[in-house]
Structures are given as C-alpha cells and as structure tokens.
Amino acid sequence: MTPEAKIEIRNKIVKGLEKAYEKMILFKKEHKSELVIIQDNKIVKIKL
C-alpha cells in the first residue's frame, strides 16, 4: 500500500468519525441526555 493510499484511507476514517460525533451530539440534544467526556483525567457529564 502506497503512502498516498494510507493517507487517503486515514482521511476517510477521520471524516467518518467526525460525522458520527456530530450525529451523536444531535441525538443527545434531541433526547435531552447527558454527554459524558473525559476532561483533565476526570469524567465530566455535560447536559445538552
């Protein structure tokens, strides 16, 4: 596999992850549920 092909696959994966994250945020907002993240090595719940 060429380096260019690896970069292209990586870019597609990152784009897919970004799209999934956006969908998750919209879902959490619609259902008024909390988003759980790690911030400064602590678990943080964010109400949306």
PDB file of N, CA and C in Angstrom:
ATOM      1  N   MET A   1       0.848  -1.174   0.000  1.00  0.00           N
ATOM      2  CA  MET A   1       0.000   0.000   0.000  1.00  0.00           C
ATOM      3  C   MET A   1       0.898   1.243   0.000  1.00  0.00           C
ATOM      4  N   THR A   2       0.595   2.157  -0.883  1.00  0.00           N
ATOM      5  CA  THR A   2       1.420   3.362  -1.015  1.00  0.00           C
ATOM      6  C   THR A   2       1.103   4.337   0.119  1.00  0.00           C
ATOM      7  N   PRO A   3       2.026   5.222   0.424  1.00  0.00           N
ATOM      8  CA  PRO A   3       1.776   6.217   1.469  1.00  0.00           C
ATOM      9  C   PRO A   3       0.566   7.106   1.161  1.00  0.00           C
ATOM     10  N   GLU A   4       0.366   7.403  -0.130  1.00  0.00           N
ATOM     11  CA  GLU A   4      -0.779   8.233  -0.521  1.00  0.00           C
ATOM     12  C   GLU A   4      -2.093   7.513  -0.226  1.00  0.00           C
ATOM     13  N   ALA A   5      -2.128   6.212  -0.484  1.00  0.00           N
ATOM     14  CA  ALA A   5      -3.336   5.423  -0.226  1.00  0.00           C
ATOM     15  C   ALA A   5      -3.621   5.358   1.268  1.00  0.00           C
ATOM     16  N   LYS A   6      -2.563   5.230   2.075  1.00  0.00           N
ATOM     17  CA  LYS A   6      -2.740   5.193   3.530  1.00  0.00           C
ATOM     18  C   LYS A   6      -3.313   6.516   4.037  1.00  0.00           C
ATOM     19  N   ILE A   7      -2.803   7.614   3.500  1.00  0.00           N
ATOM     20  CA  ILE A   7      -3.290   8.934   3.903  1.00  0.00           C
ATOM     21  C   ILE A   7      -4.750   9.101   3.507  1.00  0.00           C
ATOM     22  N   GLU A   8      -5.108   8.641   2.317  1.00  0.00           N
ATOM     23  CA  GLU A   8      -6.490   8.747   1.847  1.00  0.00           C
ATOM     24  C   GLU A   8      -7.435   7.936   2.736  1.00  0.00           C
ATOM     25  N   ILE A   9      -7.045   6.728   3.097  1.00  0.00           N
ATOM     26  CA  ILE A   9      -7.862   5.885   3.976  1.00  0.00           C
ATOM     27  C   ILE A   9      -7.993   6.538   5.346  1.00  0.00           C
ATOM     28  N   ARG A  10      -6.886   7.068   5.866  1.00  0.00           N
ATOM     29  CA  ARG A  10      -6.918   7.738   7.166  1.00  0.00           C
ATOM     30  C   ARG A  10      -7.870   8.929   7.138  1.00  0.00           C
ATOM     31  N   ASN A  11      -7.812   9.726   6.067  1.00  0.00           N
ATOM     32  CA  ASN A  11      -8.686  10.887   5.941  1.00  0.00           C
ATOM     33  C   ASN A  11     -10.156  10.477   5.899  1.00  0.00           C
ATOM     34  N   LYS A  12     -10.457   9.382   5.212  1.00  0.00           N
ATOM     35  CA  LYS A  12     -11.835   8.895   5.152  1.00  0.00           C
ATOM     36  C   LYS A  12     -12.310   8.447   6.533  1.00  0.00           C
ATOM     37  N   ILE A  13     -11.447   7.786   7.284  1.00  0.00           N
ATOM     38  CA  ILE A  13     -11.801   7.328   8.625  1.00  0.00           C
ATOM     39  C   ILE A  13     -12.059   8.523   9.537  1.00  0.00           C
ATOM     40  N   VAL A  14     -11.186   9.516   9.488  1.00  0.00           N
ATOM     41  CA  VAL A  14     -11.347  10.708  10.326  1.00  0.00           C
ATOM     42  C   VAL A  14     -12.640  11.439   9.966  1.00  0.00           C
ATOM     43  N   LYS A  15     -12.928  11.554   8.689  1.00  0.00           N
ATOM     44  CA  LYS A  15     -14.160  12.222   8.243  1.00  0.00           C
ATOM     45  C   LYS A  15     -15.381  11.465   8.753  1.00  0.00           C
ATOM     46  N   GLY A  16     -15.345  10.147   8.708  1.00  0.00           N
ATOM     47  CA  GLY A  16     -16.449   9.334   9.217  1.00  0.00           C
ATOM     48  C   GLY A  16     -16.633   9.493  10.719  1.00  0.00           C
ATOM     49  N   LEU A  17     -15.525   9.554  11.464  1.00  0.00           N
ATOM     50  CA  LEU A  17     -15.598   9.747  12.911  1.00  0.00           C
ATOM     51  C   LEU A  17     -16.177  11.116  13.258  1.00  0.00           C
ATOM     52  N   GLU A  18     -15.801  12.128  12.509  1.00  0.00           N
ATOM     53  CA  GLU A  18     -16.343  13.468  12.744  1.00  0.00           C
ATOM     54  C   GLU A  18     -17.849  13.501  12.494  1.00  0.00           C
ATOM     55  N   LYS A  19     -18.286  12.836  11.438  1.00  0.00           N
ATOM     56  CA  LYS A  19     -19.711  12.779  11.116  1.00  0.00           C
ATOM     57  C   LYS A  19     -20.480  12.030  12.200  1.00  0.00           C
ATOM     58  N   ALA A  20     -19.920  10.933  12.703  1.00  0.00           N
ATOM     59  CA  ALA A  20     -20.555  10.160  13.767  1.00  0.00           C
ATOM     60  C   ALA A  20     -20.663  10.990  15.044  1.00  0.00           C
ATOM     61  N   TYR A  21     -19.629  11.782  15.354  1.00  0.00           N
ATOM     62  CA  TYR A  21     -19.642  12.631  16.542  1.00  0.00           C
ATOM     63  C   TYR A  21     -20.737  13.689  16.429  1.00  0.00           C
ATOM     64  N   GLU A  22     -20.870  14.297  15.253  1.00  0.00           N
ATOM     65  CA  GLU A  22     -21.916  15.297  15.033  1.00  0.00           C
ATOM     66  C   GLU A  22     -23.303  14.678  15.209  1.00  0.00           C
ATOM     67  N   LYS A  23     -23.501  13.473  14.680  1.00  0.00           N
ATOM     68  CA  LYS A  23     -24.788  12.786  14.825  1.00  0.00           C
ATOM     69  C   LYS A  23     -25.083  12.481  16.287  1.00  0.00           C
ATOM     70  N   MET A  24     -24.048  12.084  17.039  1.00  0.00           N
ATOM     71  CA  MET A  24     -24.230  11.786  18.454  1.00  0.00           C
ATOM     72  C   MET A  24     -24.644  13.042  19.217  1.00  0.00           C
ATOM     73  N   ILE A  25     -24.026  14.180  18.913  1.00  0.00           N
ATOM     74  CA  ILE A  25     -24.376  15.439  19.572  1.00  0.00           C
ATOM     75  C   ILE A  25     -25.830  15.793  19.280  1.00  0.00           C
ATOM     76  N   LEU A  26     -26.249  15.652  18.037  1.00  0.00           N
ATOM     77  CA  LEU A  26     -27.643  15.942  17.686  1.00  0.00           C
ATOM     78  C   LEU A  26     -28.599  15.011  18.423  1.00  0.00           C
ATOM     79  N   PHE A  27     -28.270  13.742  18.512  1.00  0.00           N
ATOM     80  CA  PHE A  27     -29.101  12.769  19.218  1.00  0.00           C
ATOM     81  C   PHE A  27     -29.220  13.139  20.690  1.00  0.00           C
ATOM     82  N   LYS A  28     -28.102  13.484  21.303  1.00  0.00           N
ATOM     83  CA  LYS A  28     -28.098  13.845  22.724  1.00  0.00           C
ATOM     84  C   LYS A  28     -28.934  15.091  22.967  1.00  0.00           C
ATOM     85  N   LYS A  29     -28.871  16.075  22.059  1.00  0.00           N
ATOM     86  CA  LYS A  29     -29.665  17.296  22.196  1.00  0.00           C
ATOM     87  C   LYS A  29     -31.147  16.996  22.058  1.00  0.00           C
ATOM     88  N   GLU A  30     -31.520  16.164  21.082  1.00  0.00           N
ATOM     89  CA  GLU A  30     -32.926  15.834  20.849  1.00  0.00           C
ATOM     90  C   GLU A  30     -33.545  15.106  22.031  1.00  0.00           C
ATOM     91  N   HIS A  31     -32.769  14.236  22.666  1.00  0.00           N
ATOM     92  CA  HIS A  31     -33.283  13.434  23.771  1.00  0.00           C
ATOM     93  C   HIS A  31     -32.961  14.038  25.139  1.00  0.00           C
ATOM     94  N   LYS A  32     -32.376  15.242  25.121  1.00  0.00           N
ATOM     95  CA  LYS A  32     -32.028  15.952  26.353  1.00  0.00           C
ATOM     96  C   LYS A  32     -31.277  15.058  27.331  1.00  0.00           C
ATOM     97  N   SER A  33     -30.295  14.367  26.826  1.00  0.00           N
ATOM     98  CA  SER A  33     -29.497  13.482  27.678  1.00  0.00           C
ATOM     99  C   SER A  33     -28.101  14.075  27.865  1.00  0.00           C
ATOM    100  N   GLU A  34     -27.351  13.494  28.760  1.00  0.00           N
ATOM    101  CA  GLU A  34     -26.027  13.999  29.082  1.00  0.00           C
ATOM    102  C   GLU A  34     -24.973  13.424  28.140  1.00  0.00           C
ATOM    103  N   LEU A  35     -23.966  14.222  27.904  1.00  0.00           N
ATOM    104  CA  LEU A  35     -22.799  13.793  27.151  1.00  0.00           C
ATOM    105  C   LEU A  35     -21.681  13.574  28.164  1.00  0.00           C
ATOM    106  N   VAL A  36     -21.095  12.402  28.164  1.00  0.00           N
ATOM    107  CA  VAL A  36     -20.036  12.063  29.123  1.00  0.00           C
ATOM    108  C   VAL A  36     -18.699  12.095  28.395  1.00  0.00           C
ATOM    109  N   ILE A  37     -17.783  12.921  28.916  1.00  0.00           N
ATOM    110  CA  ILE A  37     -16.463  13.058  28.317  1.00  0.00           C
ATOM    111  C   ILE A  37     -15.397  12.970  29.410  1.00  0.00           C
ATOM    112  N   ILE A  38     -14.151  12.851  29.000  1.00  0.00           N
ATOM    113  CA  ILE A  38     -13.030  12.903  29.931  1.00  0.00           C
ATOM    114  C   ILE A  38     -12.330  14.233  29.704  1.00  0.00           C
ATOM    115  N   GLN A  39     -12.172  15.002  30.797  1.00  0.00           N
ATOM    116  CA  GLN A  39     -11.529  16.295  30.723  1.00  0.00           C
ATOM    117  C   GLN A  39     -10.551  16.408  31.897  1.00  0.00           C
ATOM    118  N   ASP A  40      -9.306  16.636  31.609  1.00  0.00           N
ATOM    119  CA  ASP A  40      -8.271  16.715  32.648  1.00  0.00           C
ATOM    120  C   ASP A  40      -8.260  15.456  33.519  1.00  0.00           C
ATOM    121  N   ASN A  41      -8.360  14.301  32.878  1.00  0.00           N
ATOM    122  CA  ASN A  41      -8.336  12.993  33.551  1.00  0.00           C
ATOM    123  C   ASN A  41      -9.487  12.807  34.537  1.00  0.00           C
ATOM    124  N   LYS A  42     -10.580  13.518  34.333  1.00  0.00           N
ATOM    125  CA  LYS A  42     -11.772  13.368  35.156  1.00  0.00           C
ATOM    126  C   LYS A  42     -12.969  13.134  34.245  1.00  0.00           C
ATOM    127  N   ILE A  43     -13.927  12.359  34.712  1.00  0.00           N
ATOM    128  CA  ILE A  43     -15.141  12.101  33.961  1.00  0.00           C
ATOM    129  C   ILE A  43     -16.081  13.280  34.192  1.00  0.00           C
ATOM    130  N   VAL A  44     -16.550  13.880  33.108  1.00  0.00           N
ATOM    131  CA  VAL A  44     -17.407  15.053  33.182  1.00  0.00           C
ATOM    132  C   VAL A  44     -18.690  14.772  32.418  1.00  0.00           C
ATOM    133  N   LYS A  45     -19.842  15.113  33.030  1.00  0.00           N
ATOM    134  CA  LYS A  45     -21.137  14.967  32.373  1.00  0.00           C
ATOM    135  C   LYS A  45     -21.623  16.361  31.966  1.00  0.00           C
ATOM    136  N   ILE A  46     -21.992  16.496  30.710  1.00  0.00           N
ATOM    137  CA  ILE A  46     -22.454  17.783  30.188  1.00  0.00           C
ATOM    138  C   ILE A  46     -23.921  17.636  29.783  1.00  0.00           C
ATOM    139  N   LYS A  47     -24.765  18.491  30.354  1.00  0.00           N
ATOM    140  CA  LYS A  47     -26.173  18.484  29.962  1.00  0.00           C
ATOM    141  C   LYS A  47     -26.340  19.290  28.695  1.00  0.00           C
ATOM    142  N   LEU A  48     -27.053  18.725  27.735  1.00  0.00           N
ATOM    143  CA  LEU A  48     -27.262  19.430  26.461  1.00  0.00           C
ATOM    144  C   LEU A  48     -28.689  19.874  26.330  1.00  0.00           C
TER     145      LEU A  48
END
